[in-house]
N, C-alpha and C. Protein backbone atom coordinates (compact mmCIF):
# COMPACT_ATOMS: atom_id res chain seq x y z
N MET A 1 73.06 61.70 129.13
CA MET A 1 73.78 62.91 129.68
C MET A 1 73.28 64.11 128.68
N GLN A 2 73.26 65.10 129.24
CA GLN A 2 72.78 66.33 128.42
C GLN A 2 74.14 67.20 128.00
N ALA A 3 74.19 67.62 126.79
CA ALA A 3 75.35 68.30 126.28
C ALA A 3 75.43 69.56 126.94
N LEU A 4 76.53 70.05 127.34
CA LEU A 4 76.62 71.45 127.77
C LEU A 4 76.59 72.40 126.71
N PRO A 5 76.00 73.66 127.01
CA PRO A 5 75.69 74.68 125.90
C PRO A 5 77.33 75.20 125.66
N GLN A 6 77.35 75.32 124.33
CA GLN A 6 78.70 75.87 123.75
C GLN A 6 78.75 77.41 124.15
N PRO A 7 80.09 77.87 124.64
CA PRO A 7 80.18 79.30 125.06
C PRO A 7 79.91 80.22 123.65
N VAL A 8 79.34 81.32 124.13
CA VAL A 8 79.25 82.24 122.99
C VAL A 8 80.63 83.15 122.71
N THR A 9 81.02 83.20 121.54
CA THR A 9 82.38 83.82 121.19
C THR A 9 82.15 85.31 120.96
N LEU A 10 83.19 86.12 121.26
CA LEU A 10 83.08 87.57 121.04
C LEU A 10 82.55 87.76 119.56
N ASP A 11 83.02 87.16 118.58
CA ASP A 11 82.57 87.47 117.15
C ASP A 11 80.99 87.14 116.99
N GLN A 12 80.41 86.17 117.81
CA GLN A 12 78.95 86.08 117.70
C GLN A 12 78.33 87.15 118.35
N LEU A 13 78.66 87.58 119.61
CA LEU A 13 78.13 88.77 120.15
C LEU A 13 78.18 90.04 119.28
N ARG A 14 79.21 90.17 118.64
CA ARG A 14 79.34 91.34 117.68
C ARG A 14 78.28 91.42 116.59
N VAL A 15 78.24 90.07 115.97
CA VAL A 15 77.30 89.83 114.87
C VAL A 15 75.81 90.09 115.59
N ASP A 16 75.64 89.59 116.58
CA ASP A 16 74.37 89.88 117.27
C ASP A 16 74.24 91.43 117.59
N ASP A 17 75.02 92.08 117.92
CA ASP A 17 74.85 93.47 118.26
C ASP A 17 74.54 94.26 116.61
N ALA A 18 75.23 93.81 115.68
CA ALA A 18 75.03 94.29 114.54
C ALA A 18 73.65 94.09 113.84
N VAL A 19 73.21 92.84 114.21
CA VAL A 19 71.66 92.47 113.89
C VAL A 19 70.69 93.24 114.69
N LEU A 20 70.98 93.46 115.89
CA LEU A 20 70.22 94.23 116.81
C LEU A 20 70.18 95.69 116.31
N ALA A 21 71.43 96.19 116.08
CA ALA A 21 71.52 97.66 115.69
C ALA A 21 70.85 97.81 114.39
N ALA A 22 70.85 96.87 113.45
CA ALA A 22 70.19 96.95 112.14
C ALA A 22 68.65 97.03 112.25
N ARG A 23 68.27 96.63 113.47
CA ARG A 23 66.81 96.53 113.74
C ARG A 23 66.40 97.80 114.43
N GLY A 24 67.38 98.67 114.73
CA GLY A 24 67.11 99.98 115.30
C GLY A 24 67.55 100.09 116.75
N ASP A 25 68.11 99.02 117.43
CA ASP A 25 68.53 99.08 118.76
C ASP A 25 69.83 100.01 118.85
N ARG A 26 69.47 101.20 119.49
CA ARG A 26 70.68 102.12 119.73
C ARG A 26 71.67 101.68 120.52
N ARG A 27 71.29 101.03 121.65
CA ARG A 27 72.44 100.58 122.65
C ARG A 27 73.36 99.42 121.99
N ALA A 28 72.87 98.80 121.13
CA ALA A 28 73.79 97.66 120.40
C ALA A 28 74.65 98.53 119.51
N PHE A 29 74.20 99.53 118.72
CA PHE A 29 74.92 100.38 117.91
C PHE A 29 75.85 101.14 118.68
N GLU A 30 75.59 101.62 119.97
CA GLU A 30 76.64 102.40 120.85
C GLU A 30 77.74 101.37 121.34
N ARG A 31 77.39 99.90 121.52
CA ARG A 31 78.37 99.07 121.75
C ARG A 31 79.40 98.77 120.55
N LEU A 32 78.79 98.77 119.32
CA LEU A 32 79.49 98.71 118.28
C LEU A 32 80.45 99.72 118.02
N TYR A 33 79.99 101.11 118.15
CA TYR A 33 80.75 102.25 118.17
C TYR A 33 81.95 102.21 119.04
N ARG A 34 81.63 101.88 120.49
CA ARG A 34 82.90 101.74 121.32
C ARG A 34 83.79 100.70 120.91
N ASP A 35 83.27 99.67 120.39
CA ASP A 35 84.31 98.57 120.26
C ASP A 35 85.07 98.99 118.94
N HIS A 36 84.86 99.81 118.02
CA HIS A 36 85.33 100.05 116.72
C HIS A 36 85.86 101.46 116.41
N VAL A 37 85.47 102.43 117.29
CA VAL A 37 85.90 103.64 116.96
C VAL A 37 87.25 103.99 117.08
N ALA A 38 88.02 103.36 117.82
CA ALA A 38 89.49 103.70 117.86
C ALA A 38 90.26 103.14 116.54
N ARG A 39 89.76 102.07 116.18
CA ARG A 39 90.42 101.51 114.87
C ARG A 39 90.01 102.19 113.62
N ILE A 40 88.71 102.80 113.63
CA ILE A 40 88.30 103.51 112.49
C ILE A 40 89.08 104.89 112.59
N PHE A 41 89.18 105.60 113.76
CA PHE A 41 89.94 106.84 113.82
C PHE A 41 91.36 106.63 113.38
N THR A 42 91.95 105.67 113.84
CA THR A 42 93.38 105.32 113.31
C THR A 42 93.61 105.24 111.85
N LEU A 43 92.60 104.45 111.34
CA LEU A 43 92.62 104.32 109.90
C LEU A 43 92.50 105.66 109.14
N CYS A 44 91.52 106.48 109.68
CA CYS A 44 91.29 107.85 109.13
C CYS A 44 92.49 108.67 109.32
N VAL A 45 93.09 108.69 110.49
CA VAL A 45 94.27 109.57 110.65
C VAL A 45 95.24 109.18 109.66
N ARG A 46 95.59 108.01 109.55
CA ARG A 46 96.58 107.54 108.77
C ARG A 46 96.35 107.78 107.13
N MET A 47 95.14 107.57 106.83
CA MET A 47 94.75 108.05 105.33
C MET A 47 94.79 109.60 105.15
N VAL A 48 94.31 110.48 106.05
CA VAL A 48 94.32 111.67 105.74
C VAL A 48 95.33 112.66 106.47
N GLY A 49 96.06 112.15 107.22
CA GLY A 49 97.11 112.81 108.03
C GLY A 49 96.89 114.00 108.88
N GLU A 50 95.69 114.23 109.00
CA GLU A 50 95.33 115.35 110.07
C GLU A 50 94.25 114.84 111.11
N ARG A 51 94.63 115.07 112.37
CA ARG A 51 93.71 114.57 113.47
C ARG A 51 92.25 115.12 113.39
N ALA A 52 92.23 116.45 113.28
CA ALA A 52 90.93 117.24 113.15
C ALA A 52 90.00 116.59 112.03
N ARG A 53 90.57 116.40 110.97
CA ARG A 53 89.88 115.96 109.63
C ARG A 53 89.42 114.38 109.94
N ALA A 54 90.40 113.60 110.61
CA ALA A 54 89.95 112.36 110.79
C ALA A 54 88.91 112.09 111.86
N GLU A 55 88.74 112.99 112.78
CA GLU A 55 87.84 112.99 113.77
C GLU A 55 86.40 113.21 112.97
N GLU A 56 86.38 114.28 112.13
CA GLU A 56 85.27 114.50 111.24
C GLU A 56 84.74 113.22 110.57
N LEU A 57 85.90 112.53 109.78
CA LEU A 57 85.55 111.54 108.90
C LEU A 57 85.11 110.25 109.66
N THR A 58 85.69 110.06 110.94
CA THR A 58 85.28 108.94 111.77
C THR A 58 83.83 109.25 112.15
N GLN A 59 83.31 110.29 112.53
CA GLN A 59 81.90 110.73 112.73
C GLN A 59 81.08 110.08 111.52
N ASP A 60 81.63 110.60 110.38
CA ASP A 60 80.93 110.40 109.05
C ASP A 60 80.71 108.86 108.76
N VAL A 61 81.78 108.11 109.25
CA VAL A 61 81.60 106.78 108.94
C VAL A 61 80.63 106.06 109.88
N PHE A 62 80.43 106.60 111.06
CA PHE A 62 79.48 105.89 112.00
C PHE A 62 78.08 106.34 111.57
N VAL A 63 78.08 107.48 111.01
CA VAL A 63 76.57 108.09 110.63
C VAL A 63 76.35 107.28 109.46
N ARG A 64 77.19 107.25 108.47
CA ARG A 64 76.95 106.18 107.19
C ARG A 64 76.59 104.71 107.91
N ALA A 65 77.40 104.26 108.78
CA ALA A 65 77.24 102.85 109.19
C ALA A 65 75.67 102.84 109.63
N TRP A 66 75.33 103.72 110.51
CA TRP A 66 73.79 103.66 111.11
C TRP A 66 72.86 103.60 109.92
N GLU A 67 73.23 104.55 108.82
CA GLU A 67 72.16 104.55 107.82
C GLU A 67 72.24 103.25 106.87
N LYS A 68 73.23 102.78 106.80
CA LYS A 68 73.48 101.37 105.93
C LYS A 68 73.47 100.25 106.66
N LEU A 69 73.07 100.21 107.99
CA LEU A 69 73.27 98.94 108.59
C LEU A 69 72.30 97.78 108.20
N GLU A 70 71.20 98.23 107.52
CA GLU A 70 70.38 97.16 106.88
C GLU A 70 71.02 96.39 105.94
N GLN A 71 72.06 96.95 105.31
CA GLN A 71 72.93 96.36 104.31
C GLN A 71 73.95 95.41 104.74
N PHE A 72 74.24 95.31 106.00
CA PHE A 72 75.03 94.41 106.62
C PHE A 72 74.47 93.12 106.67
N ARG A 73 74.98 92.01 106.00
CA ARG A 73 74.45 90.76 105.87
C ARG A 73 75.19 89.60 106.85
N GLY A 74 76.10 90.14 107.55
CA GLY A 74 76.84 89.00 108.29
C GLY A 74 77.54 88.08 107.75
N ASN A 75 77.80 88.21 106.50
CA ASN A 75 78.77 87.37 105.63
C ASN A 75 80.28 87.50 106.10
N ALA A 76 80.50 88.64 106.64
CA ALA A 76 81.96 89.07 107.13
C ALA A 76 81.70 89.56 108.52
N ALA A 77 82.82 89.74 109.17
CA ALA A 77 82.69 90.32 110.46
C ALA A 77 82.28 91.85 110.22
N PHE A 78 81.61 92.23 111.18
CA PHE A 78 81.26 93.65 111.27
C PHE A 78 82.29 94.58 111.08
N GLY A 79 83.34 94.26 111.85
CA GLY A 79 84.52 95.04 111.78
C GLY A 79 85.08 95.32 110.45
N THR A 80 85.11 94.20 109.64
CA THR A 80 85.47 94.28 108.32
C THR A 80 84.57 95.03 107.38
N TRP A 81 83.33 94.89 107.61
CA TRP A 81 82.26 95.69 106.84
C TRP A 81 82.53 97.25 107.34
N LEU A 82 82.71 97.51 108.43
CA LEU A 82 82.82 98.86 108.93
C LEU A 82 84.13 99.50 108.12
N HIS A 83 85.26 98.76 108.42
CA HIS A 83 86.48 99.09 107.81
C HIS A 83 86.42 99.43 106.33
N ARG A 84 85.86 98.57 105.55
CA ARG A 84 85.70 98.84 104.22
C ARG A 84 84.86 100.19 104.01
N LEU A 85 83.79 100.33 104.83
CA LEU A 85 82.87 101.46 104.66
C LEU A 85 83.79 102.71 105.09
N ALA A 86 84.68 102.68 105.94
CA ALA A 86 85.46 103.71 106.42
C ALA A 86 86.52 104.23 105.08
N VAL A 87 86.92 103.16 104.66
CA VAL A 87 88.01 103.46 103.41
C VAL A 87 87.32 104.19 102.35
N ASN A 88 86.03 103.57 102.15
CA ASN A 88 85.04 104.45 100.95
C ASN A 88 84.91 105.80 101.35
N VAL A 89 84.54 105.96 102.58
CA VAL A 89 84.20 107.36 103.13
C VAL A 89 85.42 108.36 102.95
N VAL A 90 86.53 107.90 103.35
CA VAL A 90 87.94 108.62 103.26
C VAL A 90 87.99 108.90 101.86
N LEU A 91 88.01 107.92 100.77
CA LEU A 91 88.34 108.16 99.51
C LEU A 91 87.17 109.12 98.67
N ASN A 92 86.06 108.91 99.14
CA ASN A 92 84.95 109.79 98.69
C ASN A 92 85.18 111.18 98.99
N ASP A 93 85.63 111.40 100.32
CA ASP A 93 85.97 112.76 100.82
C ASP A 93 87.07 113.26 99.92
N ARG A 94 88.15 112.52 99.71
CA ARG A 94 89.14 113.02 99.05
C ARG A 94 88.81 113.48 97.66
N GLN A 95 87.92 112.64 97.08
CA GLN A 95 87.47 112.98 95.65
C GLN A 95 86.71 114.34 95.64
N SER A 96 85.89 114.43 96.70
CA SER A 96 85.02 115.66 96.89
C SER A 96 85.95 116.84 97.07
N GLU A 97 86.91 116.65 97.91
CA GLU A 97 87.74 117.84 98.04
C GLU A 97 88.65 118.17 97.07
N LYS A 98 89.05 117.34 96.30
CA LYS A 98 89.83 117.65 95.06
C LYS A 98 88.83 118.16 94.04
N ARG A 99 87.54 118.03 93.94
CA ARG A 99 86.73 118.71 92.92
C ARG A 99 86.54 120.15 93.55
N ARG A 100 86.45 120.35 94.85
CA ARG A 100 86.28 121.56 95.38
C ARG A 100 87.36 122.60 95.20
N ARG A 101 88.55 121.88 95.30
CA ARG A 101 89.99 122.82 95.20
C ARG A 101 89.90 123.08 93.79
N ASP A 102 89.54 122.11 92.96
CA ASP A 102 89.66 122.23 91.27
C ASP A 102 88.75 123.50 90.95
N ARG A 103 87.62 123.54 91.57
CA ARG A 103 86.72 124.80 91.23
C ARG A 103 87.01 126.03 91.66
N HIS A 104 87.77 125.93 92.86
CA HIS A 104 88.20 127.32 93.42
C HIS A 104 89.69 127.73 93.45
N ASP A 105 90.37 126.83 92.92
CA ASP A 105 91.72 127.18 92.83
C ASP A 105 92.45 126.97 91.43
N ASP A 106 93.10 128.06 90.91
CA ASP A 106 93.52 128.02 89.65
C ASP A 106 94.97 127.28 89.50
N GLY A 107 95.45 126.99 90.75
CA GLY A 107 96.81 126.26 90.69
C GLY A 107 97.85 126.98 90.46
N VAL A 108 97.83 128.39 90.36
CA VAL A 108 98.86 129.23 90.46
C VAL A 108 100.06 129.23 91.45
N GLY A 109 99.44 129.02 92.62
CA GLY A 109 100.31 128.95 93.92
C GLY A 109 101.14 127.82 93.80
N ASP A 110 100.53 126.56 93.44
CA ASP A 110 101.30 125.28 93.16
C ASP A 110 102.39 125.31 92.22
N MET A 111 102.16 125.99 91.10
CA MET A 111 103.09 126.34 90.05
C MET A 111 104.31 127.06 90.56
N ASP A 112 103.94 128.23 91.15
CA ASP A 112 105.06 129.21 91.71
C ASP A 112 105.96 128.47 92.53
N ALA A 113 105.32 127.76 93.49
CA ALA A 113 106.37 126.83 94.41
C ALA A 113 107.12 125.95 93.80
N LEU A 114 106.70 125.29 92.76
CA LEU A 114 107.47 124.41 92.19
C LEU A 114 108.62 125.06 91.30
N SER A 115 108.18 126.20 90.62
CA SER A 115 109.25 126.78 89.97
C SER A 115 110.31 127.62 90.69
N HIS A 116 109.91 127.65 92.02
CA HIS A 116 111.01 128.21 92.93
C HIS A 116 111.65 127.25 93.71
N GLY A 117 111.38 125.90 93.51
CA GLY A 117 112.07 124.66 94.08
C GLY A 117 111.72 124.75 95.44
N GLU A 118 110.63 124.97 95.85
CA GLU A 118 110.04 124.81 97.14
C GLU A 118 109.57 123.47 97.52
N VAL A 119 110.08 122.67 98.43
CA VAL A 119 109.49 121.48 98.75
C VAL A 119 109.12 121.40 100.21
N ARG A 120 108.00 120.89 100.47
CA ARG A 120 107.49 120.79 101.82
C ARG A 120 108.29 119.73 102.55
N PRO A 121 109.09 119.99 103.46
CA PRO A 121 109.94 118.96 104.29
C PRO A 121 108.88 118.17 105.13
N LEU A 122 109.30 116.76 105.27
CA LEU A 122 108.59 116.06 106.11
C LEU A 122 108.76 116.54 107.65
N ALA A 123 107.84 116.71 108.30
CA ALA A 123 108.00 117.14 109.75
C ALA A 123 108.08 116.01 110.68
N LEU A 124 109.44 115.88 111.07
CA LEU A 124 109.80 114.88 112.17
C LEU A 124 110.40 115.47 113.27
N PRO A 125 109.92 115.01 114.40
CA PRO A 125 110.54 115.44 115.78
C PRO A 125 112.10 115.21 115.82
N GLU A 126 112.84 116.37 116.37
CA GLU A 126 114.23 116.12 116.56
C GLU A 126 114.75 114.91 117.27
N LEU A 127 113.97 114.57 118.24
CA LEU A 127 114.41 113.50 119.08
C LEU A 127 113.59 112.30 118.72
N GLY A 128 114.21 111.29 118.04
CA GLY A 128 113.53 110.08 117.75
C GLY A 128 113.05 110.03 116.42
N ILE A 129 112.43 108.88 116.08
CA ILE A 129 111.71 108.69 114.79
C ILE A 129 110.35 108.51 115.02
N ASP A 130 109.52 109.44 114.28
CA ASP A 130 108.09 109.40 114.53
C ASP A 130 107.53 108.83 113.12
N LEU A 131 107.22 107.59 113.03
CA LEU A 131 106.72 107.06 111.95
C LEU A 131 105.44 107.76 111.45
N GLU A 132 104.34 107.86 112.50
CA GLU A 132 103.19 108.35 112.16
C GLU A 132 103.25 109.83 111.54
N ALA A 133 104.21 110.54 112.29
CA ALA A 133 104.26 111.87 111.54
C ALA A 133 104.91 111.89 110.08
N ALA A 134 105.89 110.82 109.92
CA ALA A 134 106.34 110.77 108.51
C ALA A 134 105.26 110.31 107.58
N ILE A 135 104.48 109.47 107.83
CA ILE A 135 103.29 108.91 107.13
C ILE A 135 102.34 110.15 106.78
N ALA A 136 101.86 110.72 107.92
CA ALA A 136 101.18 111.94 107.65
C ALA A 136 101.62 113.13 106.74
N ALA A 137 102.87 113.20 106.67
CA ALA A 137 103.64 114.20 105.78
C ALA A 137 103.57 113.76 104.29
N LEU A 138 103.54 112.38 104.09
CA LEU A 138 103.36 112.07 102.64
C LEU A 138 102.25 112.77 101.77
N PRO A 139 102.50 112.96 100.46
CA PRO A 139 101.58 113.50 99.74
C PRO A 139 100.30 112.48 99.69
N PRO A 140 99.03 113.10 99.51
CA PRO A 140 97.78 112.31 99.78
C PRO A 140 97.79 111.05 99.01
N GLY A 141 98.15 111.07 97.78
CA GLY A 141 97.87 109.70 96.93
C GLY A 141 98.96 108.68 97.42
N ALA A 142 100.15 109.02 97.79
CA ALA A 142 101.14 108.21 98.16
C ALA A 142 100.80 107.61 99.51
N ARG A 143 100.26 108.57 100.47
CA ARG A 143 99.83 108.26 101.72
C ARG A 143 98.71 106.96 101.85
N GLN A 144 97.70 107.51 101.05
CA GLN A 144 96.46 106.34 101.08
C GLN A 144 96.97 105.17 100.40
N VAL A 145 97.88 105.22 99.36
CA VAL A 145 98.26 103.76 98.96
C VAL A 145 99.19 103.08 99.88
N PHE A 146 99.95 103.71 100.62
CA PHE A 146 101.00 103.18 101.50
C PHE A 146 99.91 102.63 102.64
N VAL A 147 99.11 103.38 103.28
CA VAL A 147 98.19 102.90 104.42
C VAL A 147 97.38 101.77 103.80
N LEU A 148 96.91 101.87 102.77
CA LEU A 148 96.00 100.70 102.37
C LEU A 148 96.83 99.48 102.00
N HIS A 149 98.07 99.47 101.40
CA HIS A 149 98.77 98.47 101.21
C HIS A 149 99.63 97.93 102.18
N ASP A 150 100.50 98.68 102.82
CA ASP A 150 101.55 98.22 103.79
C ASP A 150 101.06 98.16 105.18
N ILE A 151 100.01 98.95 105.61
CA ILE A 151 99.40 98.82 106.91
C ILE A 151 98.05 97.96 106.97
N GLU A 152 97.04 98.40 106.05
CA GLU A 152 95.74 97.53 106.17
C GLU A 152 95.89 96.26 105.05
N GLY A 153 96.84 96.05 104.47
CA GLY A 153 97.03 94.57 103.71
C GLY A 153 96.22 94.56 102.54
N TYR A 154 95.70 95.56 101.88
CA TYR A 154 94.90 95.40 100.54
C TYR A 154 96.03 95.19 99.40
N THR A 155 95.57 94.61 98.38
CA THR A 155 96.55 94.16 97.17
C THR A 155 96.49 95.27 96.22
N HIS A 156 97.39 95.40 95.44
CA HIS A 156 97.48 96.48 94.37
C HIS A 156 96.14 96.44 93.61
N GLU A 157 95.42 95.46 93.16
CA GLU A 157 94.41 95.30 92.45
C GLU A 157 93.15 95.92 93.12
N GLU A 158 93.12 95.48 94.61
CA GLU A 158 91.93 96.15 95.30
C GLU A 158 92.16 97.55 95.44
N ILE A 159 93.31 98.07 95.77
CA ILE A 159 93.54 99.48 95.91
C ILE A 159 93.24 100.23 94.44
N ALA A 160 93.76 99.54 93.29
CA ALA A 160 93.48 100.21 92.09
C ALA A 160 91.77 100.40 91.96
N ALA A 161 91.27 99.45 92.28
CA ALA A 161 89.66 99.40 92.06
C ALA A 161 89.09 100.57 92.94
N MET A 162 89.63 100.54 94.25
CA MET A 162 89.16 101.62 95.25
C MET A 162 89.20 102.99 94.77
N LEU A 163 90.59 103.34 94.24
CA LEU A 163 90.88 104.52 93.81
C LEU A 163 90.45 104.92 92.28
N GLY A 164 90.37 103.90 91.52
CA GLY A 164 89.91 103.91 90.11
C GLY A 164 91.04 104.42 89.14
N VAL A 165 92.25 103.79 89.50
CA VAL A 165 93.47 103.73 88.85
C VAL A 165 93.98 102.46 88.37
N GLY A 166 95.07 102.33 87.73
CA GLY A 166 95.68 101.19 87.32
C GLY A 166 96.58 100.51 88.50
N SER A 167 96.73 99.35 88.57
CA SER A 167 97.61 98.78 89.50
C SER A 167 98.97 99.20 89.38
N GLY A 168 99.46 99.62 88.16
CA GLY A 168 100.72 100.07 87.91
C GLY A 168 100.98 101.62 88.66
N GLY A 169 99.91 102.27 88.59
CA GLY A 169 99.95 103.43 89.19
C GLY A 169 99.92 103.35 90.78
N CYS A 170 99.21 102.26 91.32
CA CYS A 170 99.41 102.04 92.62
C CYS A 170 100.74 101.56 93.16
N LYS A 171 101.39 100.72 92.12
CA LYS A 171 102.62 100.31 92.56
C LYS A 171 103.69 101.56 92.69
N ALA A 172 103.47 102.39 91.69
CA ALA A 172 104.20 103.59 91.58
C ALA A 172 104.14 104.55 92.88
N GLN A 173 102.94 104.75 93.22
CA GLN A 173 102.53 105.56 94.37
C GLN A 173 103.30 104.88 95.74
N LEU A 174 103.12 103.54 95.70
CA LEU A 174 103.58 102.83 96.80
C LEU A 174 105.08 103.00 96.96
N HIS A 175 105.67 102.97 95.76
CA HIS A 175 107.32 103.05 95.71
C HIS A 175 107.65 104.46 96.15
N ARG A 176 106.90 105.30 95.63
CA ARG A 176 107.16 106.87 96.00
C ARG A 176 107.00 107.06 97.48
N ALA A 177 105.83 106.52 98.20
CA ALA A 177 105.75 106.50 99.54
C ALA A 177 106.96 106.05 100.27
N ARG A 178 107.30 104.79 99.74
CA ARG A 178 108.54 104.07 100.81
C ARG A 178 109.78 104.80 100.43
N MET A 179 110.00 105.50 99.20
CA MET A 179 111.44 106.19 99.17
C MET A 179 111.16 107.60 99.99
N LEU A 180 110.12 108.30 100.19
CA LEU A 180 110.07 109.37 100.77
C LEU A 180 110.05 109.05 102.32
N LEU A 181 109.55 107.91 102.74
CA LEU A 181 109.68 107.48 104.14
C LEU A 181 111.09 107.18 104.63
N ARG A 182 111.54 106.43 103.57
CA ARG A 182 113.01 106.07 103.95
C ARG A 182 113.97 107.35 103.93
N ALA A 183 113.80 108.15 103.12
CA ALA A 183 114.55 109.55 103.23
C ALA A 183 114.15 110.30 104.49
N ALA A 184 112.91 110.34 104.86
CA ALA A 184 112.55 111.03 106.02
C ALA A 184 113.17 110.43 107.30
N LEU A 185 113.14 109.06 107.39
CA LEU A 185 113.55 108.38 108.55
C LEU A 185 115.01 108.18 108.63
N ASN A 186 115.56 108.54 107.60
CA ASN A 186 117.25 108.37 107.48
C ASN A 186 117.86 109.69 108.14
N ARG A 187 116.94 110.74 108.18
CA ARG A 187 117.53 112.16 108.76
C ARG A 187 118.04 112.14 109.91
């Protein structure tokens, strides 16, 4: 009696697409793009808080993925590898943006706003609770730690390594994010 062939799982097909894409198969890469673009876009929106910027970063992620496909070893699922690449792209963009701002902004406007007690309110719709809007309104550091920890499931140590800060700083930012969200959602 001859053994029946085992069915191919979806994960095996995805690894095959990643292998084919790494060899230059554009159709395989297009399939990977279609399979993962929504999740990567959602991650980018949550981390940066702006849809337009998230669209740009999503495209950057897939350009980088195409350029770095030969580095994909298949030790983890392609989606996991791509997710980590996306987090790195967003964090690198944030650091680049901070350097650009530091070069071109003397910070006077920020100090004036603080001295006048101006606080940017969280923008929530008057009808119902919009958690995405509340997350988007968080300060960038708190938002990124909140998304990475509470939504994406990274540990404080992993986040600290990604952001180049101590785990205590991550915990403080997470606490700050949760308090701001709680205040916004209780309005």
